[in-house]
Amino acid sequence: MTAQIDWQNLDLTDDPETQNDVFLKAFNSGRGAIFDSLYRDDSISNLSGSPLTGKARTEAITALLATGPRLKSKVKSYYTAGDTSLIIVEYDLVIDLEDGRRQRIRGKCTDVLVRGEHGKWVMAVDRPVADSVEDLQG
């Protein structure tokens, strides 16, 4: 399933596969403000390697996405109770480091989404944990 993307009105929907598709497209767009719009203002993200929220989270996400990382992920399981959803994904992330090297990071991510007052799902907690880090050639 492929989600249609309206960059001005991202919708994670009730379907975890569509949520994952929208999340990936927003991340891989390289546009930090677009990706950050999927989060609540008080959301916690560990994308930088430490838990950040608010302005610090937004700045870290924007800086990371400006480097052009490429993310793939697959939903492994999901659970929904009312207006809260837990999604577990396996991810494969390729990043360019400041020294010019490239790395592949693989792991699992635990995401908690909540349905906001506006009826849309938004990220409350984004917690990727690396299982392996590999230096890539060229």
C-alpha atoms as a PDB file:
ATOM      1  CA  MET A   1       0.000   0.000   0.000  1.00  0.00           C
ATOM      2  CA  THR A   2       1.344   3.438  -0.917  1.00  0.00           C
ATOM      3  CA  ALA A   3       0.091   6.531   0.862  1.00  0.00           C
ATOM      4  CA  GLN A   4      -0.617   9.704  -1.072  1.00  0.00           C
ATOM      5  CA  ILE A   5       1.323  12.529   0.551  1.00  0.00           C
ATOM      6  CA  ASP A   6      -0.103  15.994   1.126  1.00  0.00           C
ATOM      7  CA  TRP A   7       2.966  17.705   2.626  1.00  0.00           C
ATOM      8  CA  GLN A   8       0.785  20.431   4.170  1.00  0.00           C
ATOM      9  CA  ASN A   9      -1.599  17.954   5.820  1.00  0.00           C
ATOM     10  CA  LEU A  10       0.163  14.716   6.710  1.00  0.00           C
ATOM     11  CA  ASP A  11      -2.204  12.028   7.945  1.00  0.00           C
ATOM     12  CA  LEU A  12      -0.893   8.932   9.712  1.00  0.00           C
ATOM     13  CA  THR A  13      -4.359   7.247   9.590  1.00  0.00           C
ATOM     14  CA  ASP A  14      -5.486   4.245  11.678  1.00  0.00           C
ATOM     15  CA  ASP A  15      -3.581   1.746   9.521  1.00  0.00           C
ATOM     16  CA  PRO A  16      -0.039   1.062  10.833  1.00  0.00           C
ATOM     17  CA  GLU A  17       1.274   0.180   7.360  1.00  0.00           C
ATOM     18  CA  THR A  18       0.050   3.536   6.043  1.00  0.00           C
ATOM     19  CA  GLN A  19       1.472   5.256   9.132  1.00  0.00           C
ATOM     20  CA  ASN A  20       4.835   3.664   8.374  1.00  0.00           C
ATOM     21  CA  ASP A  21       4.633   4.695   4.714  1.00  0.00           C
ATOM     22  CA  VAL A  22       3.856   8.332   5.595  1.00  0.00           C
ATOM     23  CA  PHE A  23       6.571   8.339   8.276  1.00  0.00           C
ATOM     24  CA  LEU A  24       9.158   7.002   5.777  1.00  0.00           C
ATOM     25  CA  LYS A  25       8.222   9.456   3.042  1.00  0.00           C
ATOM     26  CA  ALA A  26       8.376  12.392   5.450  1.00  0.00           C
ATOM     27  CA  PHE A  27      11.754  11.233   6.841  1.00  0.00           C
ATOM     28  CA  ASN A  28      13.255  10.514   3.424  1.00  0.00           C
ATOM     29  CA  SER A  29      12.042  13.888   2.101  1.00  0.00           C
ATOM     30  CA  GLY A  30      14.967  15.472   3.956  1.00  0.00           C
ATOM     31  CA  ARG A  31      12.650  18.231   5.162  1.00  0.00           C
ATOM     32  CA  GLY A  32      12.956  18.440   8.943  1.00  0.00           C
ATOM     33  CA  ALA A  33       9.921  20.676   9.443  1.00  0.00           C
ATOM     34  CA  ILE A  34       7.730  18.238   7.493  1.00  0.00           C
ATOM     35  CA  PHE A  35       8.938  15.248   9.493  1.00  0.00           C
ATOM     36  CA  ASP A  36       8.726  17.108  12.804  1.00  0.00           C
ATOM     37  CA  SER A  37       5.075  17.962  12.083  1.00  0.00           C
ATOM     38  CA  LEU A  38       4.280  14.268  12.754  1.00  0.00           C
ATOM     39  CA  TYR A  39       5.177  14.805  16.430  1.00  0.00           C
ATOM     40  CA  ARG A  40       3.272  16.356  19.327  1.00  0.00           C
ATOM     41  CA  ASP A  41       4.963  19.479  20.679  1.00  0.00           C
ATOM     42  CA  ASP A  42       5.946  17.571  23.833  1.00  0.00           C
ATOM     43  CA  SER A  43       6.937  14.346  22.052  1.00  0.00           C
ATOM     44  CA  ILE A  44      10.174  12.596  22.911  1.00  0.00           C
ATOM     45  CA  SER A  45      12.477  11.399  20.149  1.00  0.00           C
ATOM     46  CA  ASN A  46      15.677   9.424  20.505  1.00  0.00           C
ATOM     47  CA  LEU A  47      16.726   9.838  16.851  1.00  0.00           C
ATOM     48  CA  SER A  48      19.772  11.844  17.946  1.00  0.00           C
ATOM     49  CA  GLY A  49      20.908   9.117  20.343  1.00  0.00           C
ATOM     50  CA  SER A  50      19.491  10.802  23.424  1.00  0.00           C
ATOM     51  CA  PRO A  51      15.886  11.605  24.334  1.00  0.00           C
ATOM     52  CA  LEU A  52      14.956  15.108  23.168  1.00  0.00           C
ATOM     53  CA  THR A  53      11.741  17.088  23.201  1.00  0.00           C
ATOM     54  CA  GLY A  54      10.522  20.515  22.070  1.00  0.00           C
ATOM     55  CA  LYS A  55      12.953  22.849  20.293  1.00  0.00           C
ATOM     56  CA  ALA A  56      15.945  20.551  20.900  1.00  0.00           C
ATOM     57  CA  ARG A  57      14.094  17.654  19.210  1.00  0.00           C
ATOM     58  CA  THR A  58      13.095  19.828  16.256  1.00  0.00           C
ATOM     59  CA  GLU A  59      16.649  21.113  15.788  1.00  0.00           C
ATOM     60  CA  ALA A  60      18.152  17.599  15.994  1.00  0.00           C
ATOM     61  CA  ILE A  61      15.634  16.195  13.499  1.00  0.00           C
ATOM     62  CA  THR A  62      16.181  19.105  11.100  1.00  0.00           C
ATOM     63  CA  ALA A  63      19.977  18.764  11.296  1.00  0.00           C
ATOM     64  CA  LEU A  64      19.856  14.989  10.771  1.00  0.00           C
ATOM     65  CA  LEU A  65      17.482  15.126   7.806  1.00  0.00           C
ATOM     66  CA  ALA A  66      19.526  17.892   6.160  1.00  0.00           C
ATOM     67  CA  THR A  67      22.343  15.333   5.725  1.00  0.00           C
ATOM     68  CA  GLY A  68      20.136  13.178   3.451  1.00  0.00           C
ATOM     69  CA  PRO A  69      19.835   9.912   5.402  1.00  0.00           C
ATOM     70  CA  ARG A  70      17.840   7.058   3.838  1.00  0.00           C
ATOM     71  CA  LEU A  71      15.473   5.064   6.004  1.00  0.00           C
ATOM     72  CA  LYS A  72      13.645   1.806   5.372  1.00  0.00           C
ATOM     73  CA  SER A  73      11.395   0.197   7.946  1.00  0.00           C
ATOM     74  CA  LYS A  74       8.932  -2.633   8.290  1.00  0.00           C
ATOM     75  CA  VAL A  75       6.119  -2.903  10.826  1.00  0.00           C
ATOM     76  CA  LYS A  76       6.666  -5.991  12.970  1.00  0.00           C
ATOM     77  CA  SER A  77       3.753  -5.572  15.390  1.00  0.00           C
ATOM     78  CA  TYR A  78       1.245  -3.014  16.562  1.00  0.00           C
ATOM     79  CA  TYR A  79      -1.268  -2.659  19.334  1.00  0.00           C
ATOM     80  CA  THR A  80      -4.016  -0.087  19.701  1.00  0.00           C
ATOM     81  CA  ALA A  81      -6.028   0.756  22.794  1.00  0.00           C
ATOM     82  CA  GLY A  82      -8.443   3.623  22.285  1.00  0.00           C
ATOM     83  CA  ASP A  83      -6.463   6.698  21.310  1.00  0.00           C
ATOM     84  CA  THR A  84      -3.009   5.165  21.923  1.00  0.00           C
ATOM     85  CA  SER A  85      -1.054   2.949  19.567  1.00  0.00           C
ATOM     86  CA  LEU A  86       2.229   1.080  20.051  1.00  0.00           C
ATOM     87  CA  ILE A  87       4.085   0.236  16.851  1.00  0.00           C
ATOM     88  CA  ILE A  88       7.271  -1.812  16.677  1.00  0.00           C
ATOM     89  CA  VAL A  89       9.308  -1.605  13.484  1.00  0.00           C
ATOM     90  CA  GLU A  90      12.609  -2.937  12.231  1.00  0.00           C
ATOM     91  CA  TYR A  91      14.625  -0.242  10.533  1.00  0.00           C
ATOM     92  CA  ASP A  92      17.595   0.107   8.208  1.00  0.00           C
ATOM     93  CA  LEU A  93      19.143   3.591   8.163  1.00  0.00           C
ATOM     94  CA  VAL A  94      22.048   4.811   6.020  1.00  0.00           C
ATOM     95  CA  ILE A  95      23.676   8.061   7.126  1.00  0.00           C
ATOM     96  CA  ASP A  96      26.585  10.213   5.975  1.00  0.00           C
ATOM     97  CA  LEU A  97      28.928  11.175   8.794  1.00  0.00           C
ATOM     98  CA  GLU A  98      30.655  14.563   9.106  1.00  0.00           C
ATOM     99  CA  ASP A  99      34.035  12.993   8.242  1.00  0.00           C
ATOM    100  CA  GLY A 100      32.656  11.707   4.907  1.00  0.00           C
ATOM    101  CA  ARG A 101      32.144   8.086   5.956  1.00  0.00           C
ATOM    102  CA  ARG A 102      28.815   6.349   5.503  1.00  0.00           C
ATOM    103  CA  GLN A 103      27.195   4.056   8.036  1.00  0.00           C
ATOM    104  CA  ARG A 104      24.345   1.591   8.011  1.00  0.00           C
ATOM    105  CA  ILE A 105      22.441   1.328  11.273  1.00  0.00           C
ATOM    106  CA  ARG A 106      19.937  -1.466  11.751  1.00  0.00           C
ATOM    107  CA  GLY A 107      17.669  -1.962  14.705  1.00  0.00           C
ATOM    108  CA  LYS A 108      14.217  -1.826  16.178  1.00  0.00           C
ATOM    109  CA  CYS A 109      12.094   1.200  16.927  1.00  0.00           C
ATOM    110  CA  THR A 110       9.295   1.447  19.432  1.00  0.00           C
ATOM    111  CA  ASP A 111       6.837   4.205  18.526  1.00  0.00           C
ATOM    112  CA  VAL A 112       3.934   5.403  20.626  1.00  0.00           C
ATOM    113  CA  LEU A 113       1.298   7.359  18.746  1.00  0.00           C
ATOM    114  CA  VAL A 114      -1.718   9.126  20.184  1.00  0.00           C
ATOM    115  CA  ARG A 115      -4.830  10.428  18.507  1.00  0.00           C
ATOM    116  CA  GLY A 116      -4.975  14.165  19.122  1.00  0.00           C
ATOM    117  CA  GLU A 117      -7.961  16.444  19.633  1.00  0.00           C
ATOM    118  CA  HIS A 118      -8.106  17.000  15.885  1.00  0.00           C
ATOM    119  CA  GLY A 119      -8.583  13.247  15.344  1.00  0.00           C
ATOM    120  CA  LYS A 120      -5.186  12.681  13.744  1.00  0.00           C
ATOM    121  CA  TRP A 121      -2.512  10.317  14.973  1.00  0.00           C
ATOM    122  CA  VAL A 122       0.744  11.973  16.047  1.00  0.00           C
ATOM    123  CA  MET A 123       3.994  10.654  17.437  1.00  0.00           C
ATOM    124  CA  ALA A 124       4.359  10.834  21.223  1.00  0.00           C
ATOM    125  CA  VAL A 125       7.495   8.678  21.636  1.00  0.00           C
ATOM    126  CA  ASP A 126       9.999   7.670  18.952  1.00  0.00           C
ATOM    127  CA  ARG A 127      12.643   5.316  20.357  1.00  0.00           C
ATOM    128  CA  PRO A 128      15.001   3.702  17.844  1.00  0.00           C
ATOM    129  CA  VAL A 129      17.551   1.275  19.304  1.00  0.00           C
ATOM    130  CA  ALA A 130      20.445   0.128  17.127  1.00  0.00           C
ATOM    131  CA  ASP A 131      21.228  -3.590  16.899  1.00  0.00           C
ATOM    132  CA  SER A 132      24.164  -3.120  14.519  1.00  0.00           C
ATOM    133  CA  VAL A 133      26.295  -0.339  13.038  1.00  0.00           C
ATOM    134  CA  GLU A 134      28.345  -0.994   9.919  1.00  0.00           C
ATOM    135  CA  ASP A 135      30.757   1.269   8.059  1.00  0.00           C
ATOM    136  CA  LEU A 136      30.036   1.321   4.321  1.00  0.00           C
ATOM    137  CA  GLN A 137      32.528   1.721   1.510  1.00  0.00           C
ATOM    138  CA  GLY A 138      32.228   4.709  -0.807  1.00  0.00           C
END
